[in-house]
Amino acid sequence: MKTHSFSGFMLFGCLVTLFGVSILAEAIFNINIPFMVFVGVFFVFIGIRIIFRKINKYK
């Protein structure tokens, strides 16, 4: 269980880093990147993986 939580924290850290980089890029270079779309897709992907893991656990 500890390894799963650690990987989850790693994924969360990567998401926060990507979000921060996108905000910095928009602030410094005035680029309007639809980064929220990318982050949203990433969250959906993680959610689907978690759901499939729970389904496989209860089989």
C-alpha atoms as a PDB file:
ATOM      1  CA  MET A   1       0.000   0.000   0.000  1.00  0.00           C
ATOM      2  CA  LYS A   2       2.872   2.380   0.740  1.00  0.00           C
ATOM      3  CA  THR A   3       4.195   2.095  -2.806  1.00  0.00           C
ATOM      4  CA  HIS A   4       0.761   2.922  -4.244  1.00  0.00           C
ATOM      5  CA  SER A   5       0.381   6.019  -2.051  1.00  0.00           C
ATOM      6  CA  PHE A   6       3.930   7.102  -2.933  1.00  0.00           C
ATOM      7  CA  SER A   7       3.204   6.808  -6.675  1.00  0.00           C
ATOM      8  CA  GLY A   8      -0.011   8.764  -6.119  1.00  0.00           C
ATOM      9  CA  PHE A   9       1.936  11.538  -4.413  1.00  0.00           C
ATOM     10  CA  MET A  10       4.414  11.507  -7.305  1.00  0.00           C
ATOM     11  CA  LEU A  11       1.575  11.887  -9.831  1.00  0.00           C
ATOM     12  CA  PHE A  12       0.056  14.710  -7.765  1.00  0.00           C
ATOM     13  CA  GLY A  13       3.434  16.458  -7.607  1.00  0.00           C
ATOM     14  CA  CYS A  14       3.832  16.157 -11.374  1.00  0.00           C
ATOM     15  CA  LEU A  15       0.372  17.674 -11.871  1.00  0.00           C
ATOM     16  CA  VAL A  16       1.136  20.586  -9.540  1.00  0.00           C
ATOM     17  CA  THR A  17       4.460  21.166 -11.305  1.00  0.00           C
ATOM     18  CA  LEU A  18       2.809  21.152 -14.749  1.00  0.00           C
ATOM     19  CA  PHE A  19       0.126  23.561 -13.525  1.00  0.00           C
ATOM     20  CA  GLY A  20       2.721  25.917 -12.038  1.00  0.00           C
ATOM     21  CA  VAL A  21       4.818  25.846 -15.216  1.00  0.00           C
ATOM     22  CA  SER A  22       1.736  26.646 -17.306  1.00  0.00           C
ATOM     23  CA  ILE A  23       0.887  29.637 -15.077  1.00  0.00           C
ATOM     24  CA  LEU A  24       4.496  30.876 -15.250  1.00  0.00           C
ATOM     25  CA  ALA A  25       4.545  30.506 -19.044  1.00  0.00           C
ATOM     26  CA  GLU A  26       1.309  32.486 -19.359  1.00  0.00           C
ATOM     27  CA  ALA A  27       2.569  35.194 -16.992  1.00  0.00           C
ATOM     28  CA  ILE A  28       6.052  35.611 -18.483  1.00  0.00           C
ATOM     29  CA  PHE A  29       5.561  34.913 -22.195  1.00  0.00           C
ATOM     30  CA  ASN A  30       1.847  35.855 -22.352  1.00  0.00           C
ATOM     31  CA  ILE A  31       1.064  32.521 -24.026  1.00  0.00           C
ATOM     32  CA  ASN A  32      -2.533  31.356 -23.918  1.00  0.00           C
ATOM     33  CA  ILE A  33      -1.968  27.605 -23.737  1.00  0.00           C
ATOM     34  CA  PRO A  34      -5.114  25.590 -22.994  1.00  0.00           C
ATOM     35  CA  PHE A  35      -3.188  23.886 -20.189  1.00  0.00           C
ATOM     36  CA  MET A  36      -6.312  23.360 -18.085  1.00  0.00           C
ATOM     37  CA  VAL A  37      -7.554  21.020 -20.826  1.00  0.00           C
ATOM     38  CA  PHE A  38      -4.329  19.004 -20.609  1.00  0.00           C
ATOM     39  CA  VAL A  39      -4.490  18.871 -16.804  1.00  0.00           C
ATOM     40  CA  GLY A  40      -8.156  17.865 -16.981  1.00  0.00           C
ATOM     41  CA  VAL A  41      -7.393  15.020 -19.386  1.00  0.00           C
ATOM     42  CA  PHE A  42      -4.573  13.909 -17.077  1.00  0.00           C
ATOM     43  CA  PHE A  43      -6.938  13.909 -14.081  1.00  0.00           C
ATOM     44  CA  VAL A  44      -9.519  11.904 -16.046  1.00  0.00           C
ATOM     45  CA  PHE A  45      -6.838   9.376 -17.022  1.00  0.00           C
ATOM     46  CA  ILE A  46      -5.757   8.971 -13.379  1.00  0.00           C
ATOM     47  CA  GLY A  47      -9.384   8.642 -12.265  1.00  0.00           C
ATOM     48  CA  ILE A  48     -10.064   5.913 -14.832  1.00  0.00           C
ATOM     49  CA  ARG A  49      -6.966   4.011 -13.687  1.00  0.00           C
ATOM     50  CA  ILE A  50      -8.045   4.242 -10.035  1.00  0.00           C
ATOM     51  CA  ILE A  51     -11.577   3.058 -10.899  1.00  0.00           C
ATOM     52  CA  PHE A  52     -10.242   0.085 -12.864  1.00  0.00           C
ATOM     53  CA  ARG A  53      -7.928  -0.824  -9.965  1.00  0.00           C
ATOM     54  CA  LYS A  54     -10.873  -0.817  -7.532  1.00  0.00           C
ATOM     55  CA  ILE A  55     -12.974  -2.935  -9.915  1.00  0.00           C
ATOM     56  CA  ASN A  56     -10.166  -5.476 -10.273  1.00  0.00           C
ATOM     57  CA  LYS A  57      -9.750  -5.579  -6.486  1.00  0.00           C
ATOM     58  CA  TYR A  58     -13.404  -6.468  -5.834  1.00  0.00           C
ATOM     59  CA  LYS A  59     -13.639  -9.176  -8.520  1.00  0.00           C
END
